Amino acid sequence: MNLKSLSDRALNGLDAVGYQLDNLGITNKINRHSLIALMMAEQKHLEGEWDSLQARYGARFRQVEGLVGRVRGLIRA
């Protein structure tokens, strides 16, 4: 089963659950559109976290490079 058919089945199931809940008067906010919006928001959140981690890693890496350069300078002197 490929990813497209699997995702279509999952979204159809989600639509069915949302429809049944709506019939019971519980909520009408469970549907594929709200799920996709939630996934896109979380994707952006994770991208921001990844960028933050990369920035912190880069800053620390530059600090270590600076310290190594100073130590090398002291050794040569």
Protein backbone atom coordinates (compact mmCIF):
# COMPACT_ATOMS: atom_id res chain seq x y z
CA MET A 1 0.00 0.00 0.00
CA ASN A 2 1.52 3.31 -1.02
CA LEU A 3 1.58 6.48 1.05
CA LYS A 4 -1.11 8.25 -0.99
CA SER A 5 -3.72 5.53 -0.52
CA LEU A 6 -2.79 5.15 3.14
CA SER A 7 -3.17 8.87 3.79
CA ASP A 8 -6.48 8.92 1.86
CA ARG A 9 -7.83 6.09 4.00
CA ALA A 10 -6.71 7.84 7.20
CA LEU A 11 -8.29 11.14 6.14
CA ASN A 12 -11.52 9.40 5.12
CA GLY A 13 -11.61 7.72 8.51
CA LEU A 14 -11.04 11.05 10.21
CA ASP A 15 -13.88 12.58 8.19
CA ALA A 16 -16.14 9.70 9.21
CA VAL A 17 -15.31 10.18 12.90
CA GLY A 18 -15.92 13.91 12.60
CA TYR A 19 -19.25 13.27 10.88
CA GLN A 20 -20.38 10.82 13.57
CA LEU A 21 -19.37 13.21 16.35
CA ASP A 22 -21.21 16.01 14.60
CA ASN A 23 -24.33 13.84 14.39
CA LEU A 24 -24.06 13.25 18.14
CA GLY A 25 -23.78 17.00 18.68
CA ILE A 26 -20.33 16.74 20.25
CA THR A 27 -18.26 18.87 17.90
CA ASN A 28 -17.82 19.77 14.28
CA LYS A 29 -14.16 20.76 14.55
CA ILE A 30 -12.72 17.34 13.78
CA ASN A 31 -12.07 17.09 10.06
CA ARG A 32 -9.21 16.80 7.64
CA HIS A 33 -8.83 20.55 7.32
CA SER A 34 -8.29 21.11 11.03
CA LEU A 35 -5.88 18.16 11.17
CA ILE A 36 -3.88 19.49 8.21
CA ALA A 37 -3.78 22.95 9.78
CA LEU A 38 -2.54 21.45 13.06
CA MET A 39 0.13 19.43 11.25
CA MET A 40 1.32 22.48 9.30
CA ALA A 41 1.51 24.56 12.48
CA GLU A 42 3.51 21.85 14.22
CA GLN A 43 5.79 21.53 11.20
CA LYS A 44 6.59 25.24 11.39
CA HIS A 45 7.13 24.93 15.14
CA LEU A 46 9.59 22.06 14.62
CA GLU A 47 11.38 23.97 11.86
CA GLY A 48 11.81 26.88 14.27
CA GLU A 49 13.16 24.58 16.97
CA TRP A 50 15.59 23.03 14.46
CA ASP A 51 16.82 26.47 13.39
CA SER A 52 17.29 27.42 17.04
CA LEU A 53 19.34 24.28 17.71
CA GLN A 54 21.48 24.92 14.65
CA ALA A 55 22.12 28.50 15.74
CA ARG A 56 23.14 27.39 19.23
CA TYR A 57 25.40 24.68 17.81
CA GLY A 58 27.02 27.18 15.44
CA ALA A 59 27.63 29.68 18.24
CA ARG A 60 29.22 27.05 20.47
CA PHE A 61 31.29 25.73 17.59
CA ARG A 62 32.67 29.23 16.92
CA GLN A 63 33.47 29.65 20.62
CA VAL A 64 35.41 26.40 20.65
CA GLU A 65 37.25 27.37 17.47
CA GLY A 66 38.21 30.68 19.09
CA LEU A 67 39.51 28.94 22.20
CA VAL A 68 41.49 26.47 20.12
CA GLY A 69 43.01 29.36 18.16
CA ARG A 70 44.02 31.12 21.39
CA VAL A 71 45.57 27.95 22.79
CA ARG A 72 47.51 27.40 19.57
CA GLY A 73 48.70 30.98 19.75
CA LEU A 74 49.90 30.48 23.31
CA ILE A 75 51.67 27.27 22.38
CA ARG A 76 53.48 28.94 19.47
CA ALA A 77 54.54 31.91 21.55
